[in-house]
Amino acid sequence: MIIDSFENKQKILDNFLKIVAFEDWSKETLILATKNSGIDEKLLPLIFENDILSLIEFLTQTRCQQLKEIVETNQDFKLKKTHEKISYLVFNLLNIDKDNKIALKRLINFYGDPQHVIPSKNCNKNLGLKPLYQSFKEIYFVADFLWNLCLDKSTDFNFYSKRLTLSKVLIRSFLFYVDDESKNSEKTQNIIDLQMKKIINFAKAKNAGKEKINNLKDYIGENFLNQNIDLKNPIDLLKNLPFIRLIKKNIFK
């Protein structure tokens, strides 16, 4: 078998998630998971080049592929509206790890551990800001993946704004999910739906604002500017004011 095969990585990941429910996200835990997988720890750099950070990246990619398989088996997915698709995707992605919530909570601690920047005596490697950077990298990867599952065709600024907005939804949903003890994580689903509704309402308000601005531009163009886009003669502007036209109509009718 190839040393860095998907099978070996998956085996180590499965054992890691079992152990990390009781231990920290660390290289030591990764080494233990490797041993429990029947793999020589000396081969670890060949399997996960950047140790724990490479494991996190593999976890993210694996979960996204599992989500894609879930979508492909759901015949109703294509019939959903875009915001319904996103809500469905976010919840089902999180729920893949419904049995690993403790491990996910420890992952949050790993991302925000100040010892990465100011290592303690027990910390054998200064990771600096790499874990924090990794967290944003993985979130954006997931956001992009979800939009691609929705066959998003946006371009330019809209392309990035959609992904950044979804990244915020993912972070908030993830933080809520790991502590959600409701039946079938129903509260998390409600939180996701609520966030999507807020985004929709904001988009509607923004579009309405754009429409008003465009209408104002049209009004100004029709009533105050000539064909050369210069300001019309003040006398002509005065004549065309609504109340002036009304007076003229009543006087000369």
C-alpha atoms as a PDB file:
ATOM      1  CA  MET A   1       0.000   0.000   0.000  1.00  0.00           C
ATOM      2  CA  ILE A   2       1.218   3.537  -0.766  1.00  0.00           C
ATOM      3  CA  ILE A   3       2.413   5.173   2.446  1.00  0.00           C
ATOM      4  CA  ASP A   4       0.451   8.413   2.007  1.00  0.00           C
ATOM      5  CA  SER A   5      -2.641   6.686   0.624  1.00  0.00           C
ATOM      6  CA  PHE A   6      -6.151   7.869   1.408  1.00  0.00           C
ATOM      7  CA  GLU A   7      -6.712   4.658   3.380  1.00  0.00           C
ATOM      8  CA  ASN A   8      -3.771   5.334   5.714  1.00  0.00           C
ATOM      9  CA  LYS A   9      -4.801   8.944   6.219  1.00  0.00           C
ATOM     10  CA  GLN A  10      -8.394   7.957   6.937  1.00  0.00           C
ATOM     11  CA  LYS A  11      -7.306   5.274   9.398  1.00  0.00           C
ATOM     12  CA  ILE A  12      -5.152   7.743  11.314  1.00  0.00           C
ATOM     13  CA  LEU A  13      -7.891  10.380  11.273  1.00  0.00           C
ATOM     14  CA  ASP A  14     -10.487   7.967  12.657  1.00  0.00           C
ATOM     15  CA  ASN A  15      -8.185   6.949  15.503  1.00  0.00           C
ATOM     16  CA  PHE A  16      -7.187  10.556  16.111  1.00  0.00           C
ATOM     17  CA  LEU A  17     -10.808  11.671  16.561  1.00  0.00           C
ATOM     18  CA  LYS A  18     -11.341   8.917  19.128  1.00  0.00           C
ATOM     19  CA  ILE A  19      -8.252   9.890  21.127  1.00  0.00           C
ATOM     20  CA  VAL A  20      -8.652  13.671  20.887  1.00  0.00           C
ATOM     21  CA  ALA A  21     -11.920  13.457  22.794  1.00  0.00           C
ATOM     22  CA  PHE A  22      -9.637  12.942  25.820  1.00  0.00           C
ATOM     23  CA  GLU A  23      -6.452  14.664  24.646  1.00  0.00           C
ATOM     24  CA  ASP A  24      -5.429  17.912  22.966  1.00  0.00           C
ATOM     25  CA  TRP A  25      -5.016  18.509  19.250  1.00  0.00           C
ATOM     26  CA  SER A  26      -1.263  18.025  19.182  1.00  0.00           C
ATOM     27  CA  LYS A  27       1.545  16.199  17.444  1.00  0.00           C
ATOM     28  CA  GLU A  28       1.735  13.817  20.385  1.00  0.00           C
ATOM     29  CA  THR A  29      -1.904  12.819  19.888  1.00  0.00           C
ATOM     30  CA  LEU A  30      -1.262  12.406  16.171  1.00  0.00           C
ATOM     31  CA  ILE A  31       1.702  10.129  16.866  1.00  0.00           C
ATOM     32  CA  LEU A  32      -0.441   8.013  19.199  1.00  0.00           C
ATOM     33  CA  ALA A  33      -3.194   7.763  16.556  1.00  0.00           C
ATOM     34  CA  THR A  34      -0.585   6.679  14.019  1.00  0.00           C
ATOM     35  CA  LYS A  35       0.671   3.919  16.311  1.00  0.00           C
ATOM     36  CA  ASN A  36      -2.902   2.774  16.999  1.00  0.00           C
ATOM     37  CA  SER A  37      -3.386   2.537  13.247  1.00  0.00           C
ATOM     38  CA  GLY A  38      -0.515   0.056  13.003  1.00  0.00           C
ATOM     39  CA  ILE A  39       1.687   2.537  11.160  1.00  0.00           C
ATOM     40  CA  ASP A  40       5.278   3.364  12.084  1.00  0.00           C
ATOM     41  CA  GLU A  41       5.419   6.897  13.475  1.00  0.00           C
ATOM     42  CA  LYS A  42       8.614   7.484  11.445  1.00  0.00           C
ATOM     43  CA  LEU A  43       6.410   7.475   8.343  1.00  0.00           C
ATOM     44  CA  LEU A  44       4.200  10.273   9.692  1.00  0.00           C
ATOM     45  CA  PRO A  45       6.022  13.115   7.861  1.00  0.00           C
ATOM     46  CA  LEU A  46       5.355  11.281   4.596  1.00  0.00           C
ATOM     47  CA  ILE A  47       1.648  10.934   5.373  1.00  0.00           C
ATOM     48  CA  PHE A  48       0.942  14.321   6.940  1.00  0.00           C
ATOM     49  CA  GLU A  49       3.721  16.655   5.878  1.00  0.00           C
ATOM     50  CA  ASN A  50       2.791  19.459   8.292  1.00  0.00           C
ATOM     51  CA  ASP A  51       1.697  17.204  11.134  1.00  0.00           C
ATOM     52  CA  ILE A  52      -1.513  18.340  12.808  1.00  0.00           C
ATOM     53  CA  LEU A  53      -2.159  21.121  10.273  1.00  0.00           C
ATOM     54  CA  SER A  54      -2.116  18.619   7.398  1.00  0.00           C
ATOM     55  CA  LEU A  55      -4.486  16.380   9.367  1.00  0.00           C
ATOM     56  CA  ILE A  56      -6.952  19.273   9.740  1.00  0.00           C
ATOM     57  CA  GLU A  57      -6.747  19.969   6.022  1.00  0.00           C
ATOM     58  CA  PHE A  58      -7.441  16.304   5.272  1.00  0.00           C
ATOM     59  CA  LEU A  59     -10.388  16.328   7.694  1.00  0.00           C
ATOM     60  CA  THR A  60     -11.923  19.341   5.932  1.00  0.00           C
ATOM     61  CA  GLN A  61     -11.493  17.868   2.463  1.00  0.00           C
ATOM     62  CA  THR A  62     -12.881  14.506   3.565  1.00  0.00           C
ATOM     63  CA  ARG A  63     -15.968  16.046   5.135  1.00  0.00           C
ATOM     64  CA  CYS A  64     -16.635  18.113   2.007  1.00  0.00           C
ATOM     65  CA  GLN A  65     -16.491  15.001  -0.159  1.00  0.00           C
ATOM     66  CA  GLN A  66     -18.862  13.213   2.211  1.00  0.00           C
ATOM     67  CA  LEU A  67     -21.237  16.158   1.968  1.00  0.00           C
ATOM     68  CA  LYS A  68     -21.083  16.003  -1.819  1.00  0.00           C
ATOM     69  CA  GLU A  69     -22.125  12.345  -1.653  1.00  0.00           C
ATOM     70  CA  ILE A  70     -25.048  13.288   0.600  1.00  0.00           C
ATOM     71  CA  VAL A  71     -26.163  15.897  -1.929  1.00  0.00           C
ATOM     72  CA  GLU A  72     -25.889  13.472  -4.834  1.00  0.00           C
ATOM     73  CA  THR A  73     -28.274  11.066  -3.097  1.00  0.00           C
ATOM     74  CA  ASN A  74     -30.824  13.805  -2.382  1.00  0.00           C
ATOM     75  CA  GLN A  75     -33.039  14.181  -5.450  1.00  0.00           C
ATOM     76  CA  ASP A  76     -34.837  17.179  -3.946  1.00  0.00           C
ATOM     77  CA  PHE A  77     -31.674  19.248  -3.515  1.00  0.00           C
ATOM     78  CA  LYS A  78     -31.846  20.795  -6.995  1.00  0.00           C
ATOM     79  CA  LEU A  79     -35.452  21.872  -6.351  1.00  0.00           C
ATOM     80  CA  LYS A  80     -34.536  23.930  -3.292  1.00  0.00           C
ATOM     81  CA  LYS A  81     -34.079  27.693  -3.393  1.00  0.00           C
ATOM     82  CA  THR A  82     -30.510  28.920  -3.013  1.00  0.00           C
ATOM     83  CA  HIS A  83     -30.836  29.933   0.643  1.00  0.00           C
ATOM     84  CA  GLU A  84     -32.463  26.560   1.393  1.00  0.00           C
ATOM     85  CA  LYS A  85     -29.576  24.772  -0.298  1.00  0.00           C
ATOM     86  CA  ILE A  86     -27.010  26.681   1.748  1.00  0.00           C
ATOM     87  CA  SER A  87     -28.878  26.006   4.989  1.00  0.00           C
ATOM     88  CA  TYR A  88     -29.122  22.307   4.097  1.00  0.00           C
ATOM     89  CA  LEU A  89     -25.424  22.108   3.239  1.00  0.00           C
ATOM     90  CA  VAL A  90     -24.171  23.882   6.361  1.00  0.00           C
ATOM     91  CA  PHE A  91     -26.216  21.730   8.724  1.00  0.00           C
ATOM     92  CA  ASN A  92     -25.426  18.430   7.034  1.00  0.00           C
ATOM     93  CA  LEU A  93     -21.725  19.259   6.895  1.00  0.00           C
ATOM     94  CA  LEU A  94     -21.668  19.876  10.642  1.00  0.00           C
ATOM     95  CA  ASN A  95     -23.808  16.839  11.371  1.00  0.00           C
ATOM     96  CA  ILE A  96     -21.307  14.474   9.763  1.00  0.00           C
ATOM     97  CA  ASP A  97     -19.375  14.884  13.020  1.00  0.00           C
ATOM     98  CA  LYS A  98     -22.354  14.564  15.346  1.00  0.00           C
ATOM     99  CA  ASP A  99     -20.400  11.952  17.334  1.00  0.00           C
ATOM    100  CA  ASN A 100     -17.256  14.092  17.451  1.00  0.00           C
ATOM    101  CA  LYS A 101     -18.508  17.269  19.120  1.00  0.00           C
ATOM    102  CA  ILE A 102     -15.991  17.054  21.953  1.00  0.00           C
ATOM    103  CA  ALA A 103     -13.189  16.664  19.425  1.00  0.00           C
ATOM    104  CA  LEU A 104     -14.478  19.724  17.545  1.00  0.00           C
ATOM    105  CA  LYS A 105     -14.570  21.775  20.760  1.00  0.00           C
ATOM    106  CA  ARG A 106     -10.939  20.860  21.358  1.00  0.00           C
ATOM    107  CA  LEU A 107     -10.169  21.928  17.792  1.00  0.00           C
ATOM    108  CA  ILE A 108     -11.513  25.406  18.627  1.00  0.00           C
ATOM    109  CA  ASN A 109      -9.172  25.494  21.619  1.00  0.00           C
ATOM    110  CA  PHE A 110      -6.290  24.469  19.359  1.00  0.00           C
ATOM    111  CA  TYR A 111      -6.981  27.306  16.934  1.00  0.00           C
ATOM    112  CA  GLY A 112      -7.065  29.919  19.701  1.00  0.00           C
ATOM    113  CA  ASP A 113      -4.360  28.562  22.004  1.00  0.00           C
ATOM    114  CA  PRO A 114      -2.001  31.480  22.875  1.00  0.00           C
ATOM    115  CA  GLN A 115       0.788  28.989  23.583  1.00  0.00           C
ATOM    116  CA  HIS A 116       1.280  28.660  19.826  1.00  0.00           C
ATOM    117  CA  VAL A 117       2.607  32.222  19.859  1.00  0.00           C
ATOM    118  CA  ILE A 118       4.121  32.174  23.353  1.00  0.00           C
ATOM    119  CA  PRO A 119       5.005  28.492  23.891  1.00  0.00           C
ATOM    120  CA  SER A 120       5.179  27.024  27.367  1.00  0.00           C
ATOM    121  CA  LYS A 121       7.819  24.599  28.602  1.00  0.00           C
ATOM    122  CA  ASN A 122       5.524  21.702  27.663  1.00  0.00           C
ATOM    123  CA  CYS A 123       5.030  22.988  24.122  1.00  0.00           C
ATOM    124  CA  ASN A 124       7.638  21.379  21.901  1.00  0.00           C
ATOM    125  CA  LYS A 125       6.931  23.450  18.807  1.00  0.00           C
ATOM    126  CA  ASN A 126       6.144  27.109  18.247  1.00  0.00           C
ATOM    127  CA  LEU A 127       3.399  27.133  15.616  1.00  0.00           C
ATOM    128  CA  GLY A 128       2.963  30.888  15.780  1.00  0.00           C
ATOM    129  CA  LEU A 129      -0.140  32.101  13.983  1.00  0.00           C
ATOM    130  CA  LYS A 130      -0.288  29.060  11.692  1.00  0.00           C
ATOM    131  CA  PRO A 131      -3.269  27.427  13.497  1.00  0.00           C
ATOM    132  CA  LEU A 132      -5.288  30.652  13.345  1.00  0.00           C
ATOM    133  CA  TYR A 133      -4.402  31.126   9.680  1.00  0.00           C
ATOM    134  CA  GLN A 134      -5.343  27.476   9.063  1.00  0.00           C
ATOM    135  CA  SER A 135      -8.779  28.023  10.578  1.00  0.00           C
ATOM    136  CA  PHE A 136      -9.601  30.896   8.179  1.00  0.00           C
ATOM    137  CA  LYS A 137      -8.138  28.958   5.270  1.00  0.00           C
ATOM    138  CA  GLU A 138     -10.346  25.930   5.979  1.00  0.00           C
ATOM    139  CA  ILE A 139     -13.459  28.055   6.497  1.00  0.00           C
ATOM    140  CA  TYR A 140     -13.002  29.814   3.161  1.00  0.00           C
ATOM    141  CA  PHE A 141     -12.324  26.479   1.434  1.00  0.00           C
ATOM    142  CA  VAL A 142     -15.605  25.121   2.805  1.00  0.00           C
ATOM    143  CA  ALA A 143     -17.551  28.263   1.845  1.00  0.00           C
ATOM    144  CA  ASP A 144     -16.233  28.051  -1.707  1.00  0.00           C
ATOM    145  CA  PHE A 145     -17.020  24.330  -1.853  1.00  0.00           C
ATOM    146  CA  LEU A 146     -20.613  24.867  -0.715  1.00  0.00           C
ATOM    147  CA  TRP A 147     -21.229  27.602  -3.271  1.00  0.00           C
ATOM    148  CA  ASN A 148     -19.819  25.351  -5.985  1.00  0.00           C
ATOM    149  CA  LEU A 149     -22.266  22.630  -4.921  1.00  0.00           C
ATOM    150  CA  CYS A 150     -24.980  25.229  -5.499  1.00  0.00           C
ATOM    151  CA  LEU A 151     -23.539  25.809  -9.005  1.00  0.00           C
ATOM    152  CA  ASP A 152     -22.857  29.443  -8.168  1.00  0.00           C
ATOM    153  CA  LYS A 153     -21.880  31.438 -11.256  1.00  0.00           C
ATOM    154  CA  SER A 154     -21.150  34.790  -9.648  1.00  0.00           C
ATOM    155  CA  THR A 155     -18.046  36.708 -10.669  1.00  0.00           C
ATOM    156  CA  ASP A 156     -15.898  39.636  -9.560  1.00  0.00           C
ATOM    157  CA  PHE A 157     -16.750  41.256  -6.207  1.00  0.00           C
ATOM    158  CA  ASN A 158     -19.980  39.288  -5.781  1.00  0.00           C
ATOM    159  CA  PHE A 159     -17.988  36.039  -5.948  1.00  0.00           C
ATOM    160  CA  TYR A 160     -15.919  36.949  -2.877  1.00  0.00           C
ATOM    161  CA  SER A 161     -18.691  38.692  -0.935  1.00  0.00           C
ATOM    162  CA  LYS A 162     -20.846  35.549  -1.097  1.00  0.00           C
ATOM    163  CA  ARG A 163     -18.025  33.401   0.227  1.00  0.00           C
ATOM    164  CA  LEU A 164     -17.074  35.804   2.988  1.00  0.00           C
ATOM    165  CA  THR A 165     -20.707  36.087   4.089  1.00  0.00           C
ATOM    166  CA  LEU A 166     -21.055  32.305   4.128  1.00  0.00           C
ATOM    167  CA  SER A 167     -17.775  32.028   6.064  1.00  0.00           C
ATOM    168  CA  LYS A 168     -19.348  34.070   8.878  1.00  0.00           C
ATOM    169  CA  VAL A 169     -22.404  31.793   8.856  1.00  0.00           C
ATOM    170  CA  LEU A 170     -20.141  28.739   9.038  1.00  0.00           C
ATOM    171  CA  ILE A 171     -18.139  30.091  11.981  1.00  0.00           C
ATOM    172  CA  ARG A 172     -21.227  31.047  13.994  1.00  0.00           C
ATOM    173  CA  SER A 173     -22.960  27.754  13.218  1.00  0.00           C
ATOM    174  CA  PHE A 174     -19.865  25.733  14.103  1.00  0.00           C
ATOM    175  CA  LEU A 175     -19.417  27.491  17.451  1.00  0.00           C
ATOM    176  CA  PHE A 176     -23.085  26.904  18.312  1.00  0.00           C
ATOM    177  CA  TYR A 177     -23.165  23.313  17.067  1.00  0.00           C
ATOM    178  CA  VAL A 178     -20.400  21.961  19.307  1.00  0.00           C
ATOM    179  CA  ASP A 179     -22.460  22.890  22.412  1.00  0.00           C
ATOM    180  CA  ASP A 180     -25.869  22.038  20.992  1.00  0.00           C
ATOM    181  CA  GLU A 181     -27.471  19.271  23.047  1.00  0.00           C
ATOM    182  CA  SER A 182     -30.941  19.555  21.519  1.00  0.00           C
ATOM    183  CA  LYS A 183     -32.536  16.551  19.828  1.00  0.00           C
ATOM    184  CA  ASN A 184     -30.953  15.992  16.405  1.00  0.00           C
ATOM    185  CA  SER A 185     -29.235  19.383  16.886  1.00  0.00           C
ATOM    186  CA  GLU A 186     -32.506  21.117  15.984  1.00  0.00           C
ATOM    187  CA  LYS A 187     -31.372  24.374  17.599  1.00  0.00           C
ATOM    188  CA  THR A 188     -28.389  24.518  15.260  1.00  0.00           C
ATOM    189  CA  GLN A 189     -30.685  24.110  12.266  1.00  0.00           C
ATOM    190  CA  ASN A 190     -32.828  26.960  13.584  1.00  0.00           C
ATOM    191  CA  ILE A 191     -29.763  29.159  14.069  1.00  0.00           C
ATOM    192  CA  ILE A 192     -28.626  28.490  10.498  1.00  0.00           C
ATOM    193  CA  ASP A 193     -32.091  29.225   9.103  1.00  0.00           C
ATOM    194  CA  LEU A 194     -32.243  32.461  11.099  1.00  0.00           C
ATOM    195  CA  GLN A 195     -28.877  33.597   9.754  1.00  0.00           C
ATOM    196  CA  MET A 196     -29.969  32.852   6.189  1.00  0.00           C
ATOM    197  CA  LYS A 197     -33.174  34.858   6.665  1.00  0.00           C
ATOM    198  CA  LYS A 198     -31.151  37.843   7.901  1.00  0.00           C
ATOM    199  CA  ILE A 199     -28.906  37.615   4.840  1.00  0.00           C
ATOM    200  CA  ILE A 200     -31.934  37.446   2.521  1.00  0.00           C
ATOM    201  CA  ASN A 201     -33.584  40.436   4.211  1.00  0.00           C
ATOM    202  CA  PHE A 202     -30.352  42.419   3.980  1.00  0.00           C
ATOM    203  CA  ALA A 203     -30.020  41.544   0.288  1.00  0.00           C
ATOM    204  CA  LYS A 204     -33.609  42.655  -0.357  1.00  0.00           C
ATOM    205  CA  ALA A 205     -33.036  45.941   1.467  1.00  0.00           C
ATOM    206  CA  LYS A 206     -29.807  46.517  -0.466  1.00  0.00           C
ATOM    207  CA  ASN A 207     -31.519  45.828  -3.795  1.00  0.00           C
ATOM    208  CA  ALA A 208     -34.379  48.121  -2.869  1.00  0.00           C
ATOM    209  CA  GLY A 209     -31.850  50.846  -2.017  1.00  0.00           C
ATOM    210  CA  LYS A 210     -30.091  50.359  -5.349  1.00  0.00           C
ATOM    211  CA  GLU A 211     -33.431  50.607  -7.162  1.00  0.00           C
ATOM    212  CA  LYS A 212     -34.256  53.896  -5.410  1.00  0.00           C
ATOM    213  CA  ILE A 213     -30.839  55.305  -6.294  1.00  0.00           C
ATOM    214  CA  ASN A 214     -31.263  54.245  -9.919  1.00  0.00           C
ATOM    215  CA  ASN A 215     -34.723  55.808 -10.035  1.00  0.00           C
ATOM    216  CA  LEU A 216     -33.294  59.029  -8.606  1.00  0.00           C
ATOM    217  CA  LYS A 217     -30.536  59.011 -11.231  1.00  0.00           C
ATOM    218  CA  ASP A 218     -33.135  58.536 -13.964  1.00  0.00           C
ATOM    219  CA  TYR A 219     -35.261  61.354 -12.563  1.00  0.00           C
ATOM    220  CA  ILE A 220     -32.298  63.721 -12.423  1.00  0.00           C
ATOM    221  CA  GLY A 221     -31.237  62.726 -15.925  1.00  0.00           C
ATOM    222  CA  GLU A 222     -34.690  63.289 -17.388  1.00  0.00           C
ATOM    223  CA  ASN A 223     -35.475  66.543 -15.605  1.00  0.00           C
ATOM    224  CA  PHE A 224     -32.195  68.340 -14.940  1.00  0.00           C
ATOM    225  CA  LEU A 225     -29.733  67.242 -17.635  1.00  0.00           C
ATOM    226  CA  ASN A 226     -29.712  67.777 -21.391  1.00  0.00           C
ATOM    227  CA  GLN A 227     -28.565  65.340 -24.093  1.00  0.00           C
ATOM    228  CA  ASN A 228     -24.938  66.368 -23.496  1.00  0.00           C
ATOM    229  CA  ILE A 229     -25.316  65.462 -19.812  1.00  0.00           C
ATOM    230  CA  ASP A 230     -24.939  69.140 -18.877  1.00  0.00           C
ATOM    231  CA  LEU A 231     -27.225  70.963 -16.472  1.00  0.00           C
ATOM    232  CA  LYS A 232     -30.245  72.410 -18.271  1.00  0.00           C
ATOM    233  CA  ASN A 233     -30.876  76.150 -18.477  1.00  0.00           C
ATOM    234  CA  PRO A 234     -32.202  77.354 -15.055  1.00  0.00           C
ATOM    235  CA  ILE A 235     -35.151  79.111 -16.739  1.00  0.00           C
ATOM    236  CA  ASP A 236     -36.159  75.853 -18.490  1.00  0.00           C
ATOM    237  CA  LEU A 237     -35.800  73.982 -15.198  1.00  0.00           C
ATOM    238  CA  LEU A 238     -38.059  76.496 -13.465  1.00  0.00           C
ATOM    239  CA  LYS A 239     -40.685  76.237 -16.190  1.00  0.00           C
ATOM    240  CA  ASN A 240     -40.781  72.457 -15.832  1.00  0.00           C
ATOM    241  CA  LEU A 241     -41.230  72.374 -12.072  1.00  0.00           C
ATOM    242  CA  PRO A 242     -44.525  70.559 -11.237  1.00  0.00           C
ATOM    243  CA  PHE A 243     -46.141  73.436  -9.346  1.00  0.00           C
ATOM    244  CA  ILE A 244     -45.201  75.935 -12.111  1.00  0.00           C
ATOM    245  CA  ARG A 245     -46.796  73.688 -14.716  1.00  0.00           C
ATOM    246  CA  LEU A 246     -49.884  73.425 -12.508  1.00  0.00           C
ATOM    247  CA  ILE A 247     -50.178  77.239 -12.205  1.00  0.00           C
ATOM    248  CA  LYS A 248     -49.786  77.713 -15.956  1.00  0.00           C
ATOM    249  CA  LYS A 249     -52.409  75.062 -16.608  1.00  0.00           C
ATOM    250  CA  ASN A 250     -54.935  76.695 -14.274  1.00  0.00           C
ATOM    251  CA  ILE A 251     -54.289  80.223 -15.565  1.00  0.00           C
ATOM    252  CA  PHE A 252     -54.286  79.488 -19.270  1.00  0.00           C
ATOM    253  CA  LYS A 253     -56.879  76.703 -19.433  1.00  0.00           C
END
